[in-house]
Amino acid sequence: MNKDRVVGSLKQVKGTVEETAGKLLGDAKLQIAGKADKAEGKTQNIIGTITETLKS
């Protein structure tokens, strides 16, 4: 597992926490920030997977 996959996974978790907190608190900005972090993390995770595949 490379750095991009690890960091991407962490961003996805952070985004999920932010999105959930935003829903619970009724904070739309926090909810949107969480969704953005999740999307960024997913993209970074995919890039890491592609990089690993190409190196194999």
PDB file of N, CA and C in Angstrom:
ATOM      1  N   MET A   1       0.857  -1.171   0.000  1.00  0.00           N
ATOM      2  CA  MET A   1       0.000   0.000   0.000  1.00  0.00           C
ATOM      3  C   MET A   1       0.902   1.233   0.000  1.00  0.00           C
ATOM      4  N   ASN A   2       0.628   2.139  -0.931  1.00  0.00           N
ATOM      5  CA  ASN A   2       1.483   3.318  -1.025  1.00  0.00           C
ATOM      6  C   ASN A   2       0.872   4.511  -0.283  1.00  0.00           C
ATOM      7  N   LYS A   3       1.631   5.585  -0.272  1.00  0.00           N
ATOM      8  CA  LYS A   3       1.266   6.788   0.489  1.00  0.00           C
ATOM      9  C   LYS A   3      -0.077   7.363   0.024  1.00  0.00           C
ATOM     10  N   ASP A   4      -0.308   7.408  -1.284  1.00  0.00           N
ATOM     11  CA  ASP A   4      -1.558   7.979  -1.790  1.00  0.00           C
ATOM     12  C   ASP A   4      -2.775   7.215  -1.290  1.00  0.00           C
ATOM     13  N   ARG A   5      -2.678   5.911  -1.224  1.00  0.00           N
ATOM     14  CA  ARG A   5      -3.816   5.117  -0.753  1.00  0.00           C
ATOM     15  C   ARG A   5      -4.080   5.352   0.730  1.00  0.00           C
ATOM     16  N   VAL A   6      -3.014   5.463   1.512  1.00  0.00           N
ATOM     17  CA  VAL A   6      -3.169   5.688   2.955  1.00  0.00           C
ATOM     18  C   VAL A   6      -3.779   7.067   3.214  1.00  0.00           C
ATOM     19  N   VAL A   7      -3.205   8.087   2.597  1.00  0.00           N
ATOM     20  CA  VAL A   7      -3.693   9.450   2.792  1.00  0.00           C
ATOM     21  C   VAL A   7      -5.123   9.580   2.259  1.00  0.00           C
ATOM     22  N   GLY A   8      -5.389   8.959   1.114  1.00  0.00           N
ATOM     23  CA  GLY A   8      -6.736   9.004   0.553  1.00  0.00           C
ATOM     24  C   GLY A   8      -7.760   8.374   1.478  1.00  0.00           C
ATOM     25  N   SER A   9      -7.408   7.248   2.068  1.00  0.00           N
ATOM     26  CA  SER A   9      -8.321   6.579   3.002  1.00  0.00           C
ATOM     27  C   SER A   9      -8.576   7.439   4.231  1.00  0.00           C
ATOM     28  N   LEU A  10      -7.538   8.085   4.727  1.00  0.00           N
ATOM     29  CA  LEU A  10      -7.698   8.959   5.897  1.00  0.00           C
ATOM     30  C   LEU A  10      -8.599  10.155   5.574  1.00  0.00           C
ATOM     31  N   LYS A  11      -8.445  10.709   4.370  1.00  0.00           N
ATOM     32  CA  LYS A  11      -9.297  11.831   3.975  1.00  0.00           C
ATOM     33  C   LYS A  11     -10.755  11.396   3.859  1.00  0.00           C
ATOM     34  N   GLN A  12     -10.967  10.182   3.376  1.00  0.00           N
ATOM     35  CA  GLN A  12     -12.335   9.677   3.278  1.00  0.00           C
ATOM     36  C   GLN A  12     -12.968   9.547   4.663  1.00  0.00           C
ATOM     37  N   VAL A  13     -12.207   9.042   5.616  1.00  0.00           N
ATOM     38  CA  VAL A  13     -12.715   8.899   6.981  1.00  0.00           C
ATOM     39  C   VAL A  13     -13.008  10.281   7.571  1.00  0.00           C
ATOM     40  N   LYS A  14     -12.078  11.204   7.391  1.00  0.00           N
ATOM     41  CA  LYS A  14     -12.268  12.572   7.893  1.00  0.00           C
ATOM     42  C   LYS A  14     -13.518  13.192   7.274  1.00  0.00           C
ATOM     43  N   GLY A  15     -13.704  12.988   5.982  1.00  0.00           N
ATOM     44  CA  GLY A  15     -14.871  13.530   5.298  1.00  0.00           C
ATOM     45  C   GLY A  15     -16.165  12.943   5.825  1.00  0.00           C
ATOM     46  N   THR A  16     -16.151  11.645   6.105  1.00  0.00           N
ATOM     47  CA  THR A  16     -17.339  10.998   6.653  1.00  0.00           C
ATOM     48  C   THR A  16     -17.692  11.581   8.022  1.00  0.00           C
ATOM     49  N   VAL A  17     -16.670  11.787   8.833  1.00  0.00           N
ATOM     50  CA  VAL A  17     -16.889  12.362  10.172  1.00  0.00           C
ATOM     51  C   VAL A  17     -17.446  13.780  10.045  1.00  0.00           C
ATOM     52  N   GLU A  18     -16.847  14.576   9.176  1.00  0.00           N
ATOM     53  CA  GLU A  18     -17.318  15.955   8.984  1.00  0.00           C
ATOM     54  C   GLU A  18     -18.752  15.986   8.467  1.00  0.00           C
ATOM     55  N   GLU A  19     -19.029  15.139   7.481  1.00  0.00           N
ATOM     56  CA  GLU A  19     -20.370  15.115   6.907  1.00  0.00           C
ATOM     57  C   GLU A  19     -21.414  14.714   7.962  1.00  0.00           C
ATOM     58  N   THR A  20     -21.094  13.710   8.753  1.00  0.00           N
ATOM     59  CA  THR A  20     -22.004  13.263   9.804  1.00  0.00           C
ATOM     60  C   THR A  20     -22.205  14.352  10.858  1.00  0.00           C
ATOM     61  N   ALA A  21     -21.110  14.992  11.247  1.00  0.00           N
ATOM     62  CA  ALA A  21     -21.210  16.075  12.226  1.00  0.00           C
ATOM     63  C   ALA A  21     -22.051  17.224  11.665  1.00  0.00           C
ATOM     64  N   GLY A  22     -21.862  17.526  10.401  1.00  0.00           N
ATOM     65  CA  GLY A  22     -22.654  18.582   9.767  1.00  0.00           C
ATOM     66  C   GLY A  22     -24.138  18.266   9.773  1.00  0.00           C
ATOM     67  N   LYS A  23     -24.470  17.001   9.520  1.00  0.00           N
ATOM     68  CA  LYS A  23     -25.879  16.587   9.547  1.00  0.00           C
ATOM     69  C   LYS A  23     -26.450  16.716  10.956  1.00  0.00           C
ATOM     70  N   LEU A  24     -25.680  16.248  11.935  1.00  0.00           N
ATOM     71  CA  LEU A  24     -26.158  16.278  13.315  1.00  0.00           C
ATOM     72  C   LEU A  24     -26.318  17.701  13.843  1.00  0.00           C
ATOM     73  N   LEU A  25     -25.401  18.574  13.438  1.00  0.00           N
ATOM     74  CA  LEU A  25     -25.421  19.948  13.929  1.00  0.00           C
ATOM     75  C   LEU A  25     -26.247  20.890  13.045  1.00  0.00           C
ATOM     76  N   GLY A  26     -26.681  20.389  11.896  1.00  0.00           N
ATOM     77  CA  GLY A  26     -27.425  21.239  10.973  1.00  0.00           C
ATOM     78  C   GLY A  26     -26.540  22.268  10.294  1.00  0.00           C
ATOM     79  N   ASP A  27     -25.267  21.946  10.144  1.00  0.00           N
ATOM     80  CA  ASP A  27     -24.283  22.853   9.551  1.00  0.00           C
ATOM     81  C   ASP A  27     -24.016  22.430   8.107  1.00  0.00           C
ATOM     82  N   ALA A  28     -24.628  23.136   7.172  1.00  0.00           N
ATOM     83  CA  ALA A  28     -24.514  22.785   5.762  1.00  0.00           C
ATOM     84  C   ALA A  28     -23.078  22.926   5.249  1.00  0.00           C
ATOM     85  N   LYS A  29     -22.364  23.942   5.722  1.00  0.00           N
ATOM     86  CA  LYS A  29     -20.982  24.150   5.269  1.00  0.00           C
ATOM     87  C   LYS A  29     -20.096  22.972   5.678  1.00  0.00           C
ATOM     88  N   LEU A  30     -20.254  22.494   6.890  1.00  0.00           N
ATOM     89  CA  LEU A  30     -19.466  21.357   7.373  1.00  0.00           C
ATOM     90  C   LEU A  30     -19.824  20.097   6.592  1.00  0.00           C
ATOM     91  N   GLN A  31     -21.085  19.953   6.291  1.00  0.00           N
ATOM     92  CA  GLN A  31     -21.547  18.799   5.524  1.00  0.00           C
ATOM     93  C   GLN A  31     -20.937  18.821   4.121  1.00  0.00           C
ATOM     94  N   ILE A  32     -20.923  19.968   3.485  1.00  0.00           N
ATOM     95  CA  ILE A  32     -20.354  20.100   2.145  1.00  0.00           C
ATOM     96  C   ILE A  32     -18.848  19.872   2.179  1.00  0.00           C
ATOM     97  N   ALA A  33     -18.184  20.415   3.197  1.00  0.00           N
ATOM     98  CA  ALA A  33     -16.736  20.207   3.335  1.00  0.00           C
ATOM     99  C   ALA A  33     -16.432  18.722   3.508  1.00  0.00           C
ATOM    100  N   GLY A  34     -17.266  18.020   4.250  1.00  0.00           N
ATOM    101  CA  GLY A  34     -17.088  16.585   4.437  1.00  0.00           C
ATOM    102  C   GLY A  34     -17.236  15.824   3.134  1.00  0.00           C
ATOM    103  N   LYS A  35     -18.230  16.186   2.351  1.00  0.00           N
ATOM    104  CA  LYS A  35     -18.427  15.531   1.047  1.00  0.00           C
ATOM    105  C   LYS A  35     -17.239  15.789   0.130  1.00  0.00           C
ATOM    106  N   ALA A  36     -16.717  17.019   0.173  1.00  0.00           N
ATOM    107  CA  ALA A  36     -15.559  17.357  -0.656  1.00  0.00           C
ATOM    108  C   ALA A  36     -14.330  16.552  -0.231  1.00  0.00           C
ATOM    109  N   ASP A  37     -14.114  16.422   1.073  1.00  0.00           N
ATOM    110  CA  ASP A  37     -12.975  15.644   1.571  1.00  0.00           C
ATOM    111  C   ASP A  37     -13.115  14.168   1.174  1.00  0.00           C
ATOM    112  N   LYS A  38     -14.336  13.653   1.258  1.00  0.00           N
ATOM    113  CA  LYS A  38     -14.560  12.262   0.870  1.00  0.00           C
ATOM    114  C   LYS A  38     -14.232  12.056  -0.609  1.00  0.00           C
ATOM    115  N   ALA A  39     -14.670  12.982  -1.452  1.00  0.00           N
ATOM    116  CA  ALA A  39     -14.409  12.872  -2.887  1.00  0.00           C
ATOM    117  C   ALA A  39     -12.913  12.975  -3.176  1.00  0.00           C
ATOM    118  N   GLU A  40     -12.246  13.899  -2.511  1.00  0.00           N
ATOM    119  CA  GLU A  40     -10.799  14.069  -2.692  1.00  0.00           C
ATOM    120  C   GLU A  40     -10.050  12.811  -2.249  1.00  0.00           C
ATOM    121  N   GLY A  41     -10.468  12.267  -1.125  1.00  0.00           N
ATOM    122  CA  GLY A  41      -9.833  11.053  -0.618  1.00  0.00           C
ATOM    123  C   GLY A  41     -10.040   9.865  -1.540  1.00  0.00           C
ATOM    124  N   LYS A  42     -11.243   9.749  -2.066  1.00  0.00           N
ATOM    125  CA  LYS A  42     -11.537   8.652  -2.986  1.00  0.00           C
ATOM    126  C   LYS A  42     -10.679   8.757  -4.240  1.00  0.00           C
ATOM    127  N   THR A  43     -10.553   9.975  -4.764  1.00  0.00           N
ATOM    128  CA  THR A  43      -9.722  10.200  -5.949  1.00  0.00           C
ATOM    129  C   THR A  43      -8.272   9.863  -5.663  1.00  0.00           C
ATOM    130  N   GLN A  44      -7.759  10.300  -4.536  1.00  0.00           N
ATOM    131  CA  GLN A  44      -6.366  10.027  -4.186  1.00  0.00           C
ATOM    132  C   GLN A  44      -6.148   8.531  -3.993  1.00  0.00           C
ATOM    133  N   ASN A  45      -7.115   7.854  -3.425  1.00  0.00           N
ATOM    134  CA  ASN A  45      -7.030   6.410  -3.232  1.00  0.00           C
ATOM    135  C   ASN A  45      -6.978   5.699  -4.583  1.00  0.00           C
ATOM    136  N   ILE A  46      -7.788   6.149  -5.527  1.00  0.00           N
ATOM    137  CA  ILE A  46      -7.793   5.561  -6.871  1.00  0.00           C
ATOM    138  C   ILE A  46      -6.456   5.789  -7.557  1.00  0.00           C
ATOM    139  N   ILE A  47      -5.913   6.982  -7.416  1.00  0.00           N
ATOM    140  CA  ILE A  47      -4.599   7.277  -8.004  1.00  0.00           C
ATOM    141  C   ILE A  47      -3.537   6.351  -7.418  1.00  0.00           C
ATOM    142  N   GLY A  48      -3.591   6.131  -6.114  1.00  0.00           N
ATOM    143  CA  GLY A  48      -2.646   5.228  -5.468  1.00  0.00           C
ATOM    144  C   GLY A  48      -2.787   3.803  -5.981  1.00  0.00           C
ATOM    145  N   THR A  49      -4.023   3.370  -6.197  1.00  0.00           N
ATOM    146  CA  THR A  49      -4.268   2.028  -6.716  1.00  0.00           C
ATOM    147  C   THR A  49      -3.714   1.889  -8.130  1.00  0.00           C
ATOM    148  N   ILE A  50      -3.936   2.895  -8.950  1.00  0.00           N
ATOM    149  CA  ILE A  50      -3.430   2.867 -10.330  1.00  0.00           C
ATOM    150  C   ILE A  50      -1.906   2.853 -10.320  1.00  0.00           C
ATOM    151  N   THR A  51      -1.303   3.662  -9.468  1.00  0.00           N
ATOM    152  CA  THR A  51       0.160   3.706  -9.370  1.00  0.00           C
ATOM    153  C   THR A  51       0.720   2.342  -8.962  1.00  0.00           C
ATOM    154  N   GLU A  52       0.080   1.715  -7.995  1.00  0.00           N
ATOM    155  CA  GLU A  52       0.531   0.379  -7.559  1.00  0.00           C
ATOM    156  C   GLU A  52       0.405  -0.628  -8.695  1.00  0.00           C
ATOM    157  N   THR A  53      -0.692  -0.559  -9.421  1.00  0.00           N
ATOM    158  CA  THR A  53      -0.930  -1.494 -10.523  1.00  0.00           C
ATOM    159  C   THR A  53       0.108  -1.323 -11.609  1.00  0.00           C
ATOM    160  N   LEU A  54       0.440  -0.096 -11.923  1.00  0.00           N
ATOM    161  CA  LEU A  54       1.423   0.177 -12.977  1.00  0.00           C
ATOM    162  C   LEU A  54       2.831  -0.264 -12.587  1.00  0.00           C
ATOM    163  N   LYS A  55       3.127  -0.209 -11.291  1.00  0.00           N
ATOM    164  CA  LYS A  55       4.456  -0.604 -10.826  1.00  0.00           C
ATOM    165  C   LYS A  55       4.614  -2.125 -10.785  1.00  0.00           C
ATOM    166  N   SER A  56       3.500  -2.839 -10.756  1.00  0.00           N
ATOM    167  CA  SER A  56       3.567  -4.317 -10.656  1.00  0.00           C
ATOM    168  C   SER A  56       3.973  -4.954 -11.951  1.00  0.00           C
TER     169      SER A  56
END
